[in-house]
ModelCIF file with pLDDT and N, C-alpha, C, O atoms, coordinates in Angstrom:
data_MODEL
#
_entry.id   MODEL 
#
_entity.id                         1 
_entity.type                       polymer 
_entity.pdbx_number_of_molecules   1 
#
_entity_poly.entity_id                      1 
_entity_poly.type                           'polypeptide(L)' 
_entity_poly.nstd_linkage                   no 
_entity_poly.nstd_monomer                   no 
_entity_poly.pdbx_seq_one_letter_code       
;(UNK)(UNK)(UNK)(UNK)(UNK)(UNK)(UNK)(UNK)(UNK)(UNK)(UNK)(UNK)(UNK)(UNK)(UNK)(UNK)
(UNK)(UNK)(UNK)(UNK)(UNK)(UNK)(UNK)(UNK)(UNK)(UNK)(UNK)(UNK)(UNK)(UNK)(UNK)(UNK)
(UNK)(UNK)(UNK)(UNK)(UNK)(UNK)(UNK)(UNK)(UNK)(UNK)(UNK)(UNK)(UNK)(UNK)(UNK)
;
_entity_poly.pdbx_seq_one_letter_code_can   XXXXXXXXXXXXXXXXXXXXXXXXXXXXXXXXXXXXXXXXXXXXXXX 
_entity_poly.pdbx_strand_id                 A 
#
loop_
_entity_poly_seq.entity_id 
_entity_poly_seq.num 
_entity_poly_seq.mon_id 
_entity_poly_seq.hetero 
1 1  UNK n 
1 2  UNK n 
1 3  UNK n 
1 4  UNK n 
1 5  UNK n 
1 6  UNK n 
1 7  UNK n 
1 8  UNK n 
1 9  UNK n 
1 10 UNK n 
1 11 UNK n 
1 12 UNK n 
1 13 UNK n 
1 14 UNK n 
1 15 UNK n 
1 16 UNK n 
1 17 UNK n 
1 18 UNK n 
1 19 UNK n 
1 20 UNK n 
1 21 UNK n 
1 22 UNK n 
1 23 UNK n 
1 24 UNK n 
1 25 UNK n 
1 26 UNK n 
1 27 UNK n 
1 28 UNK n 
1 29 UNK n 
1 30 UNK n 
1 31 UNK n 
1 32 UNK n 
1 33 UNK n 
1 34 UNK n 
1 35 UNK n 
1 36 UNK n 
1 37 UNK n 
1 38 UNK n 
1 39 UNK n 
1 40 UNK n 
1 41 UNK n 
1 42 UNK n 
1 43 UNK n 
1 44 UNK n 
1 45 UNK n 
1 46 UNK n 
1 47 UNK n 
#
_struct_asym.id          A 
_struct_asym.entity_id   1 
#
loop_
_ma_qa_metric.id 
_ma_qa_metric.mode 
_ma_qa_metric.name 
_ma_qa_metric.software_group_id 
_ma_qa_metric.type 
1 global pLDDT . pLDDT 
2 local  pLDDT . pLDDT 
#
_ma_qa_metric_global.metric_id      1 
_ma_qa_metric_global.metric_value   78.89 
_ma_qa_metric_global.model_id       1 
_ma_qa_metric_global.ordinal_id     1 
#
loop_
_ma_qa_metric_local.label_asym_id 
_ma_qa_metric_local.label_comp_id 
_ma_qa_metric_local.label_seq_id 
_ma_qa_metric_local.metric_id 
_ma_qa_metric_local.metric_value 
_ma_qa_metric_local.model_id 
_ma_qa_metric_local.ordinal_id 
A UNK 1  2 84.00 1 1  
A UNK 2  2 79.00 1 2  
A UNK 3  2 79.00 1 3  
A UNK 4  2 82.00 1 4  
A UNK 5  2 84.00 1 5  
A UNK 6  2 78.00 1 6  
A UNK 7  2 80.00 1 7  
A UNK 8  2 84.00 1 8  
A UNK 9  2 81.00 1 9  
A UNK 10 2 79.00 1 10 
A UNK 11 2 82.00 1 11 
A UNK 12 2 81.00 1 12 
A UNK 13 2 77.00 1 13 
A UNK 14 2 77.00 1 14 
A UNK 15 2 83.00 1 15 
A UNK 16 2 78.00 1 16 
A UNK 17 2 75.00 1 17 
A UNK 18 2 78.00 1 18 
A UNK 19 2 81.00 1 19 
A UNK 20 2 74.00 1 20 
A UNK 21 2 74.00 1 21 
A UNK 22 2 78.00 1 22 
A UNK 23 2 77.00 1 23 
A UNK 24 2 72.00 1 24 
A UNK 25 2 73.00 1 25 
A UNK 26 2 72.00 1 26 
A UNK 27 2 70.00 1 27 
A UNK 28 2 69.00 1 28 
A UNK 29 2 73.00 1 29 
A UNK 30 2 71.00 1 30 
A UNK 31 2 73.00 1 31 
A UNK 32 2 77.00 1 32 
A UNK 33 2 75.00 1 33 
A UNK 34 2 76.00 1 34 
A UNK 35 2 81.00 1 35 
A UNK 36 2 79.00 1 36 
A UNK 37 2 78.00 1 37 
A UNK 38 2 80.00 1 38 
A UNK 39 2 85.00 1 39 
A UNK 40 2 82.00 1 40 
A UNK 41 2 82.00 1 41 
A UNK 42 2 87.00 1 42 
A UNK 43 2 85.00 1 43 
A UNK 44 2 84.00 1 44 
A UNK 45 2 85.00 1 45 
A UNK 46 2 89.00 1 46 
A UNK 47 2 85.00 1 47 
#
loop_
_atom_site.group_PDB 
_atom_site.id 
_atom_site.type_symbol 
_atom_site.label_atom_id 
_atom_site.label_alt_id 
_atom_site.label_comp_id 
_atom_site.label_asym_id 
_atom_site.label_entity_id 
_atom_site.label_seq_id 
_atom_site.pdbx_PDB_ins_code 
_atom_site.Cartn_x 
_atom_site.Cartn_y 
_atom_site.Cartn_z 
_atom_site.occupancy 
_atom_site.B_iso_or_equiv 
_atom_site.pdbx_formal_charge 
_atom_site.auth_seq_id 
_atom_site.auth_comp_id 
_atom_site.auth_asym_id 
_atom_site.auth_atom_id 
_atom_site.pdbx_PDB_model_num 
ATOM 1   N N  . UNK A 1 1  ? 89.985 106.455 115.585 1.00 84.00 ? 1  UNK A N  1 
ATOM 2   C CA . UNK A 1 1  ? 90.906 106.940 114.551 1.00 84.00 ? 1  UNK A CA 1 
ATOM 3   C C  . UNK A 1 1  ? 90.863 106.008 113.345 1.00 84.00 ? 1  UNK A C  1 
ATOM 4   O O  . UNK A 1 1  ? 90.785 106.465 112.205 1.00 84.00 ? 1  UNK A O  1 
ATOM 5   N N  . UNK A 1 2  ? 90.915 104.706 113.596 1.00 79.00 ? 2  UNK A N  1 
ATOM 6   C CA . UNK A 1 2  ? 90.861 103.733 112.513 1.00 79.00 ? 2  UNK A CA 1 
ATOM 7   C C  . UNK A 1 2  ? 89.525 103.813 111.778 1.00 79.00 ? 2  UNK A C  1 
ATOM 8   O O  . UNK A 1 2  ? 89.484 103.732 110.551 1.00 79.00 ? 2  UNK A O  1 
ATOM 9   N N  . UNK A 1 3  ? 88.445 103.971 112.517 1.00 79.00 ? 3  UNK A N  1 
ATOM 10  C CA . UNK A 1 3  ? 87.125 104.097 111.905 1.00 79.00 ? 3  UNK A CA 1 
ATOM 11  C C  . UNK A 1 3  ? 87.038 105.355 111.051 1.00 79.00 ? 3  UNK A C  1 
ATOM 12  O O  . UNK A 1 3  ? 86.508 105.321 109.941 1.00 79.00 ? 3  UNK A O  1 
ATOM 13  N N  . UNK A 1 4  ? 87.552 106.450 111.561 1.00 82.00 ? 4  UNK A N  1 
ATOM 14  C CA . UNK A 1 4  ? 87.536 107.706 110.804 1.00 82.00 ? 4  UNK A CA 1 
ATOM 15  C C  . UNK A 1 4  ? 88.381 107.598 109.543 1.00 82.00 ? 4  UNK A C  1 
ATOM 16  O O  . UNK A 1 4  ? 87.986 108.092 108.488 1.00 82.00 ? 4  UNK A O  1 
ATOM 17  N N  . UNK A 1 5  ? 89.524 106.965 109.643 1.00 84.00 ? 5  UNK A N  1 
ATOM 18  C CA . UNK A 1 5  ? 90.408 106.808 108.494 1.00 84.00 ? 5  UNK A CA 1 
ATOM 19  C C  . UNK A 1 5  ? 89.748 105.948 107.421 1.00 84.00 ? 5  UNK A C  1 
ATOM 20  O O  . UNK A 1 5  ? 89.695 106.350 106.259 1.00 84.00 ? 5  UNK A O  1 
ATOM 21  N N  . UNK A 1 6  ? 89.246 104.776 107.791 1.00 78.00 ? 6  UNK A N  1 
ATOM 22  C CA . UNK A 1 6  ? 88.597 103.903 106.814 1.00 78.00 ? 6  UNK A CA 1 
ATOM 23  C C  . UNK A 1 6  ? 87.340 104.528 106.228 1.00 78.00 ? 6  UNK A C  1 
ATOM 24  O O  . UNK A 1 6  ? 87.108 104.462 105.020 1.00 78.00 ? 6  UNK A O  1 
ATOM 25  N N  . UNK A 1 7  ? 86.539 105.129 107.081 1.00 80.00 ? 7  UNK A N  1 
ATOM 26  C CA . UNK A 1 7  ? 85.317 105.776 106.596 1.00 80.00 ? 7  UNK A CA 1 
ATOM 27  C C  . UNK A 1 7  ? 85.617 106.948 105.683 1.00 80.00 ? 7  UNK A C  1 
ATOM 28  O O  . UNK A 1 7  ? 84.925 107.160 104.687 1.00 80.00 ? 7  UNK A O  1 
ATOM 29  N N  . UNK A 1 8  ? 86.643 107.708 106.020 1.00 84.00 ? 8  UNK A N  1 
ATOM 30  C CA . UNK A 1 8  ? 87.022 108.855 105.183 1.00 84.00 ? 8  UNK A CA 1 
ATOM 31  C C  . UNK A 1 8  ? 87.496 108.428 103.811 1.00 84.00 ? 8  UNK A C  1 
ATOM 32  O O  . UNK A 1 8  ? 87.132 109.038 102.805 1.00 84.00 ? 8  UNK A O  1 
ATOM 33  N N  . UNK A 1 9  ? 88.304 107.386 103.763 1.00 81.00 ? 9  UNK A N  1 
ATOM 34  C CA . UNK A 1 9  ? 88.789 106.900 102.473 1.00 81.00 ? 9  UNK A CA 1 
ATOM 35  C C  . UNK A 1 9  ? 87.642 106.352 101.636 1.00 81.00 ? 9  UNK A C  1 
ATOM 36  O O  . UNK A 1 9  ? 87.538 106.661 100.449 1.00 81.00 ? 9  UNK A O  1 
ATOM 37  N N  . UNK A 1 10 ? 86.781 105.541 102.244 1.00 79.00 ? 10 UNK A N  1 
ATOM 38  C CA . UNK A 1 10 ? 85.650 104.982 101.509 1.00 79.00 ? 10 UNK A CA 1 
ATOM 39  C C  . UNK A 1 10 ? 84.684 106.084 101.059 1.00 79.00 ? 10 UNK A C  1 
ATOM 40  O O  . UNK A 1 10 ? 84.163 106.033 99.945  1.00 79.00 ? 10 UNK A O  1 
ATOM 41  N N  . UNK A 1 11 ? 84.447 107.068 101.912 1.00 82.00 ? 11 UNK A N  1 
ATOM 42  C CA . UNK A 1 11 ? 83.581 108.191 101.525 1.00 82.00 ? 11 UNK A CA 1 
ATOM 43  C C  . UNK A 1 11 ? 84.209 108.980 100.375 1.00 82.00 ? 11 UNK A C  1 
ATOM 44  O O  . UNK A 1 11 ? 83.504 109.422 99.468  1.00 82.00 ? 11 UNK A O  1 
ATOM 45  N N  . UNK A 1 12 ? 85.527 109.155 100.410 1.00 81.00 ? 12 UNK A N  1 
ATOM 46  C CA . UNK A 1 12 ? 86.210 109.846 99.313  1.00 81.00 ? 12 UNK A CA 1 
ATOM 47  C C  . UNK A 1 12 ? 86.044 109.107 98.001  1.00 81.00 ? 12 UNK A C  1 
ATOM 48  O O  . UNK A 1 12 ? 85.818 109.726 96.962  1.00 81.00 ? 12 UNK A O  1 
ATOM 49  N N  . UNK A 1 13 ? 86.155 107.776 98.040  1.00 77.00 ? 13 UNK A N  1 
ATOM 50  C CA . UNK A 1 13 ? 85.958 106.991 96.817  1.00 77.00 ? 13 UNK A CA 1 
ATOM 51  C C  . UNK A 1 13 ? 84.520 107.115 96.329  1.00 77.00 ? 13 UNK A C  1 
ATOM 52  O O  . UNK A 1 13 ? 84.279 107.245 95.128  1.00 77.00 ? 13 UNK A O  1 
ATOM 53  N N  . UNK A 1 14 ? 83.566 107.076 97.253  1.00 77.00 ? 14 UNK A N  1 
ATOM 54  C CA . UNK A 1 14 ? 82.154 107.187 96.865  1.00 77.00 ? 14 UNK A CA 1 
ATOM 55  C C  . UNK A 1 14 ? 81.876 108.555 96.240  1.00 77.00 ? 14 UNK A C  1 
ATOM 56  O O  . UNK A 1 14 ? 81.196 108.637 95.217  1.00 77.00 ? 14 UNK A O  1 
ATOM 57  N N  . UNK A 1 15 ? 82.394 109.626 96.842  1.00 83.00 ? 15 UNK A N  1 
ATOM 58  C CA . UNK A 1 15 ? 82.126 110.965 96.307  1.00 83.00 ? 15 UNK A CA 1 
ATOM 59  C C  . UNK A 1 15 ? 82.898 111.246 95.027  1.00 83.00 ? 15 UNK A C  1 
ATOM 60  O O  . UNK A 1 15 ? 82.442 112.028 94.193  1.00 83.00 ? 15 UNK A O  1 
ATOM 61  N N  . UNK A 1 16 ? 84.043 110.632 94.858  1.00 78.00 ? 16 UNK A N  1 
ATOM 62  C CA . UNK A 1 16 ? 84.831 110.831 93.642  1.00 78.00 ? 16 UNK A CA 1 
ATOM 63  C C  . UNK A 1 16 ? 84.506 109.805 92.560  1.00 78.00 ? 16 UNK A C  1 
ATOM 64  O O  . UNK A 1 16 ? 85.127 109.815 91.497  1.00 78.00 ? 16 UNK A O  1 
ATOM 65  N N  . UNK A 1 17 ? 83.550 108.929 92.813  1.00 75.00 ? 17 UNK A N  1 
ATOM 66  C CA . UNK A 1 17 ? 83.205 107.874 91.862  1.00 75.00 ? 17 UNK A CA 1 
ATOM 67  C C  . UNK A 1 17 ? 82.862 108.396 90.471  1.00 75.00 ? 17 UNK A C  1 
ATOM 68  O O  . UNK A 1 17 ? 83.378 107.855 89.493  1.00 75.00 ? 17 UNK A O  1 
ATOM 69  N N  . UNK A 1 18 ? 82.014 109.426 90.330  1.00 78.00 ? 18 UNK A N  1 
ATOM 70  C CA . UNK A 1 18 ? 81.701 109.898 88.960  1.00 78.00 ? 18 UNK A CA 1 
ATOM 71  C C  . UNK A 1 18 ? 82.953 110.356 88.207  1.00 78.00 ? 18 UNK A C  1 
ATOM 72  O O  . UNK A 1 18 ? 83.114 110.047 87.026  1.00 78.00 ? 18 UNK A O  1 
ATOM 73  N N  . UNK A 1 19 ? 83.820 111.075 88.873  1.00 81.00 ? 19 UNK A N  1 
ATOM 74  C CA . UNK A 1 19 ? 85.032 111.555 88.223  1.00 81.00 ? 19 UNK A CA 1 
ATOM 75  C C  . UNK A 1 19 ? 85.978 110.402 87.908  1.00 81.00 ? 19 UNK A C  1 
ATOM 76  O O  . UNK A 1 19 ? 86.531 110.324 86.811  1.00 81.00 ? 19 UNK A O  1 
ATOM 77  N N  . UNK A 1 20 ? 86.160 109.511 88.875  1.00 74.00 ? 20 UNK A N  1 
ATOM 78  C CA . UNK A 1 20 ? 87.066 108.380 88.670  1.00 74.00 ? 20 UNK A CA 1 
ATOM 79  C C  . UNK A 1 20 ? 86.548 107.416 87.607  1.00 74.00 ? 20 UNK A C  1 
ATOM 80  O O  . UNK A 1 20 ? 87.337 106.863 86.840  1.00 74.00 ? 20 UNK A O  1 
ATOM 81  N N  . UNK A 1 21 ? 85.237 107.208 87.551  1.00 74.00 ? 21 UNK A N  1 
ATOM 82  C CA . UNK A 1 21 ? 84.690 106.256 86.583  1.00 74.00 ? 21 UNK A CA 1 
ATOM 83  C C  . UNK A 1 21 ? 84.809 106.783 85.156  1.00 74.00 ? 21 UNK A C  1 
ATOM 84  O O  . UNK A 1 21 ? 84.864 105.991 84.215  1.00 74.00 ? 21 UNK A O  1 
ATOM 85  N N  . UNK A 1 22 ? 84.851 108.103 84.975  1.00 78.00 ? 22 UNK A N  1 
ATOM 86  C CA . UNK A 1 22 ? 85.036 108.662 83.634  1.00 78.00 ? 22 UNK A CA 1 
ATOM 87  C C  . UNK A 1 22 ? 86.508 108.701 83.241  1.00 78.00 ? 22 UNK A C  1 
ATOM 88  O O  . UNK A 1 22 ? 86.853 108.441 82.089  1.00 78.00 ? 22 UNK A O  1 
ATOM 89  N N  . UNK A 1 23 ? 87.365 109.024 84.190  1.00 77.00 ? 23 UNK A N  1 
ATOM 90  C CA . UNK A 1 23 ? 88.786 109.135 83.853  1.00 77.00 ? 23 UNK A CA 1 
ATOM 91  C C  . UNK A 1 23 ? 89.479 107.778 83.794  1.00 77.00 ? 23 UNK A C  1 
ATOM 92  O O  . UNK A 1 23 ? 90.397 107.593 82.995  1.00 77.00 ? 23 UNK A O  1 
ATOM 93  N N  . UNK A 1 24 ? 89.059 106.832 84.621  1.00 72.00 ? 24 UNK A N  1 
ATOM 94  C CA . UNK A 1 24 ? 89.659 105.488 84.631  1.00 72.00 ? 24 UNK A CA 1 
ATOM 95  C C  . UNK A 1 24 ? 88.569 104.443 84.806  1.00 72.00 ? 24 UNK A C  1 
ATOM 96  O O  . UNK A 1 24 ? 88.413 103.889 85.894  1.00 72.00 ? 24 UNK A O  1 
ATOM 97  N N  . UNK A 1 25 ? 87.805 104.161 83.735  1.00 73.00 ? 25 UNK A N  1 
ATOM 98  C CA . UNK A 1 25 ? 86.675 103.231 83.881  1.00 73.00 ? 25 UNK A CA 1 
ATOM 99  C C  . UNK A 1 25 ? 87.108 101.808 84.230  1.00 73.00 ? 25 UNK A C  1 
ATOM 100 O O  . UNK A 1 25 ? 86.344 101.067 84.847  1.00 73.00 ? 25 UNK A O  1 
ATOM 101 N N  . UNK A 1 26 ? 88.320 101.420 83.845  1.00 72.00 ? 26 UNK A N  1 
ATOM 102 C CA . UNK A 1 26 ? 88.779 100.060 84.153  1.00 72.00 ? 26 UNK A CA 1 
ATOM 103 C C  . UNK A 1 26 ? 88.961 99.834  85.646  1.00 72.00 ? 26 UNK A C  1 
ATOM 104 O O  . UNK A 1 26 ? 89.034 98.695  86.108  1.00 72.00 ? 26 UNK A O  1 
ATOM 105 N N  . UNK A 1 27 ? 89.033 100.930 86.396  1.00 70.00 ? 27 UNK A N  1 
ATOM 106 C CA . UNK A 1 27 ? 89.199 100.829 87.844  1.00 70.00 ? 27 UNK A CA 1 
ATOM 107 C C  . UNK A 1 27 ? 87.965 100.238 88.525  1.00 70.00 ? 27 UNK A C  1 
ATOM 108 O O  . UNK A 1 27 ? 88.078 99.553  89.541  1.00 70.00 ? 27 UNK A O  1 
ATOM 109 N N  . UNK A 1 28 ? 86.799 100.505 87.965  1.00 69.00 ? 28 UNK A N  1 
ATOM 110 C CA . UNK A 1 28 ? 85.547 100.084 88.607  1.00 69.00 ? 28 UNK A CA 1 
ATOM 111 C C  . UNK A 1 28 ? 84.771 99.030  87.825  1.00 69.00 ? 28 UNK A C  1 
ATOM 112 O O  . UNK A 1 28 ? 83.736 98.560  88.297  1.00 69.00 ? 28 UNK A O  1 
ATOM 113 N N  . UNK A 1 29 ? 85.240 98.654  86.656  1.00 73.00 ? 29 UNK A N  1 
ATOM 114 C CA . UNK A 1 29 ? 84.467 97.699  85.854  1.00 73.00 ? 29 UNK A CA 1 
ATOM 115 C C  . UNK A 1 29 ? 84.832 96.250  86.143  1.00 73.00 ? 29 UNK A C  1 
ATOM 116 O O  . UNK A 1 29 ? 84.065 95.347  85.807  1.00 73.00 ? 29 UNK A O  1 
ATOM 117 N N  . UNK A 1 30 ? 85.961 96.015  86.744  1.00 71.00 ? 30 UNK A N  1 
ATOM 118 C CA . UNK A 1 30 ? 86.362 94.636  87.023  1.00 71.00 ? 30 UNK A CA 1 
ATOM 119 C C  . UNK A 1 30 ? 85.629 94.066  88.218  1.00 71.00 ? 30 UNK A C  1 
ATOM 120 O O  . UNK A 1 30 ? 85.246 94.791  89.136  1.00 71.00 ? 30 UNK A O  1 
ATOM 121 N N  . UNK A 1 31 ? 85.438 92.749  88.196  1.00 73.00 ? 31 UNK A N  1 
ATOM 122 C CA . UNK A 1 31 ? 84.771 92.085  89.308  1.00 73.00 ? 31 UNK A CA 1 
ATOM 123 C C  . UNK A 1 31 ? 85.585 92.202  90.588  1.00 73.00 ? 31 UNK A C  1 
ATOM 124 O O  . UNK A 1 31 ? 85.023 92.304  91.679  1.00 73.00 ? 31 UNK A O  1 
ATOM 125 N N  . UNK A 1 32 ? 86.906 92.187  90.459  1.00 77.00 ? 32 UNK A N  1 
ATOM 126 C CA . UNK A 1 32 ? 87.762 92.262  91.636  1.00 77.00 ? 32 UNK A CA 1 
ATOM 127 C C  . UNK A 1 32 ? 87.604 93.618  92.342  1.00 77.00 ? 32 UNK A C  1 
ATOM 128 O O  . UNK A 1 32 ? 87.596 93.685  93.571  1.00 77.00 ? 32 UNK A O  1 
ATOM 129 N N  . UNK A 1 33 ? 87.479 94.692  91.558  1.00 75.00 ? 33 UNK A N  1 
ATOM 130 C CA . UNK A 1 33 ? 87.314 96.019  92.166  1.00 75.00 ? 33 UNK A CA 1 
ATOM 131 C C  . UNK A 1 33 ? 85.993 96.116  92.918  1.00 75.00 ? 33 UNK A C  1 
ATOM 132 O O  . UNK A 1 33 ? 85.951 96.622  94.040  1.00 75.00 ? 33 UNK A O  1 
ATOM 133 N N  . UNK A 1 34 ? 84.904 95.629  92.301  1.00 76.00 ? 34 UNK A N  1 
ATOM 134 C CA . UNK A 1 34 ? 83.607 95.679  92.970  1.00 76.00 ? 34 UNK A CA 1 
ATOM 135 C C  . UNK A 1 34 ? 83.609 94.815  94.218  1.00 76.00 ? 34 UNK A C  1 
ATOM 136 O O  . UNK A 1 34 ? 83.061 95.199  95.251  1.00 76.00 ? 34 UNK A O  1 
ATOM 137 N N  . UNK A 1 35 ? 84.232 93.639  94.118  1.00 81.00 ? 35 UNK A N  1 
ATOM 138 C CA . UNK A 1 35 ? 84.318 92.758  95.281  1.00 81.00 ? 35 UNK A CA 1 
ATOM 139 C C  . UNK A 1 35 ? 85.119 93.427  96.399  1.00 81.00 ? 35 UNK A C  1 
ATOM 140 O O  . UNK A 1 35 ? 84.738 93.364  97.568  1.00 81.00 ? 35 UNK A O  1 
ATOM 141 N N  . UNK A 1 36 ? 86.220 94.061  96.033  1.00 79.00 ? 36 UNK A N  1 
ATOM 142 C CA . UNK A 1 36 ? 87.059 94.742  97.027  1.00 79.00 ? 36 UNK A CA 1 
ATOM 143 C C  . UNK A 1 36 ? 86.331 95.877  97.714  1.00 79.00 ? 36 UNK A C  1 
ATOM 144 O O  . UNK A 1 36 ? 86.382 95.999  98.938  1.00 79.00 ? 36 UNK A O  1 
ATOM 145 N N  . UNK A 1 37 ? 85.653 96.708  96.941  1.00 78.00 ? 37 UNK A N  1 
ATOM 146 C CA . UNK A 1 37 ? 84.917 97.832  97.530  1.00 78.00 ? 37 UNK A CA 1 
ATOM 147 C C  . UNK A 1 37 ? 83.748 97.347  98.387  1.00 78.00 ? 37 UNK A C  1 
ATOM 148 O O  . UNK A 1 37 ? 83.482 97.903  99.453  1.00 78.00 ? 37 UNK A O  1 
ATOM 149 N N  . UNK A 1 38 ? 83.059 96.318  97.922  1.00 80.00 ? 38 UNK A N  1 
ATOM 150 C CA . UNK A 1 38 ? 81.951 95.773  98.706  1.00 80.00 ? 38 UNK A CA 1 
ATOM 151 C C  . UNK A 1 38 ? 82.459 95.163  100.005 1.00 80.00 ? 38 UNK A C  1 
ATOM 152 O O  . UNK A 1 38 ? 81.877 95.374  101.069 1.00 80.00 ? 38 UNK A O  1 
ATOM 153 N N  . UNK A 1 39 ? 83.547 94.407  99.910  1.00 85.00 ? 39 UNK A N  1 
ATOM 154 C CA . UNK A 1 39 ? 84.126 93.805  101.106 1.00 85.00 ? 39 UNK A CA 1 
ATOM 155 C C  . UNK A 1 39 ? 84.598 94.885  102.077 1.00 85.00 ? 39 UNK A C  1 
ATOM 156 O O  . UNK A 1 39 ? 84.407 94.763  103.287 1.00 85.00 ? 39 UNK A O  1 
ATOM 157 N N  . UNK A 1 40 ? 85.208 95.932  101.551 1.00 82.00 ? 40 UNK A N  1 
ATOM 158 C CA . UNK A 1 40 ? 85.666 97.046  102.386 1.00 82.00 ? 40 UNK A CA 1 
ATOM 159 C C  . UNK A 1 40 ? 84.484 97.695  103.096 1.00 82.00 ? 40 UNK A C  1 
ATOM 160 O O  . UNK A 1 40 ? 84.561 97.999  104.286 1.00 82.00 ? 40 UNK A O  1 
ATOM 161 N N  . UNK A 1 41 ? 83.395 97.905  102.369 1.00 82.00 ? 41 UNK A N  1 
ATOM 162 C CA . UNK A 1 41 ? 82.196 98.484  102.976 1.00 82.00 ? 41 UNK A CA 1 
ATOM 163 C C  . UNK A 1 41 ? 81.610 97.596  104.061 1.00 82.00 ? 41 UNK A C  1 
ATOM 164 O O  . UNK A 1 41 ? 81.181 98.090  105.104 1.00 82.00 ? 41 UNK A O  1 
ATOM 165 N N  . UNK A 1 42 ? 81.587 96.282  103.825 1.00 87.00 ? 42 UNK A N  1 
ATOM 166 C CA . UNK A 1 42 ? 81.063 95.350  104.834 1.00 87.00 ? 42 UNK A CA 1 
ATOM 167 C C  . UNK A 1 42 ? 81.941 95.364  106.074 1.00 87.00 ? 42 UNK A C  1 
ATOM 168 O O  . UNK A 1 42 ? 81.432 95.399  107.194 1.00 87.00 ? 42 UNK A O  1 
ATOM 169 N N  . UNK A 1 43 ? 83.269 95.335  105.884 1.00 85.00 ? 43 UNK A N  1 
ATOM 170 C CA . UNK A 1 43 ? 84.186 95.383  107.020 1.00 85.00 ? 43 UNK A CA 1 
ATOM 171 C C  . UNK A 1 43 ? 84.016 96.693  107.777 1.00 85.00 ? 43 UNK A C  1 
ATOM 172 O O  . UNK A 1 43 ? 84.061 96.710  109.007 1.00 85.00 ? 43 UNK A O  1 
ATOM 173 N N  . UNK A 1 44 ? 83.822 97.782  107.055 1.00 84.00 ? 44 UNK A N  1 
ATOM 174 C CA . UNK A 1 44 ? 83.601 99.080  107.706 1.00 84.00 ? 44 UNK A CA 1 
ATOM 175 C C  . UNK A 1 44 ? 82.317 99.072  108.529 1.00 84.00 ? 44 UNK A C  1 
ATOM 176 O O  . UNK A 1 44 ? 82.291 99.622  109.630 1.00 84.00 ? 44 UNK A O  1 
ATOM 177 N N  . UNK A 1 45 ? 81.255 98.460  108.017 1.00 85.00 ? 45 UNK A N  1 
ATOM 178 C CA . UNK A 1 45 ? 79.997 98.389  108.768 1.00 85.00 ? 45 UNK A CA 1 
ATOM 179 C C  . UNK A 1 45 ? 80.163 97.499  110.004 1.00 85.00 ? 45 UNK A C  1 
ATOM 180 O O  . UNK A 1 45 ? 79.622 97.809  111.066 1.00 85.00 ? 45 UNK A O  1 
ATOM 181 N N  . UNK A 1 46 ? 80.901 96.404  109.872 1.00 89.00 ? 46 UNK A N  1 
ATOM 182 C CA . UNK A 1 46 ? 81.170 95.568  111.039 1.00 89.00 ? 46 UNK A CA 1 
ATOM 183 C C  . UNK A 1 46 ? 81.979 96.335  112.081 1.00 89.00 ? 46 UNK A C  1 
ATOM 184 O O  . UNK A 1 46 ? 81.751 96.196  113.282 1.00 89.00 ? 46 UNK A O  1 
ATOM 185 N N  . UNK A 1 47 ? 82.919 97.142  111.612 1.00 85.00 ? 47 UNK A N  1 
ATOM 186 C CA . UNK A 1 47 ? 83.721 97.951  112.532 1.00 85.00 ? 47 UNK A CA 1 
ATOM 187 C C  . UNK A 1 47 ? 82.844 98.971  113.256 1.00 85.00 ? 47 UNK A C  1 
ATOM 188 O O  . UNK A 1 47 ? 83.343 99.745  114.073 1.00 85.00 ? 47 UNK A O  1 
#
């Protein structure tokens, strides 16, 4: 359940990235956002 929840949220962000990056570019341009998403992806792969 936890794996499905985390994977679903991360997949939603990945699929909505083009729309989100145009409507709110500041969300993905900061170093903290990229670090957070990368860390989330690494934790998901470890899980």
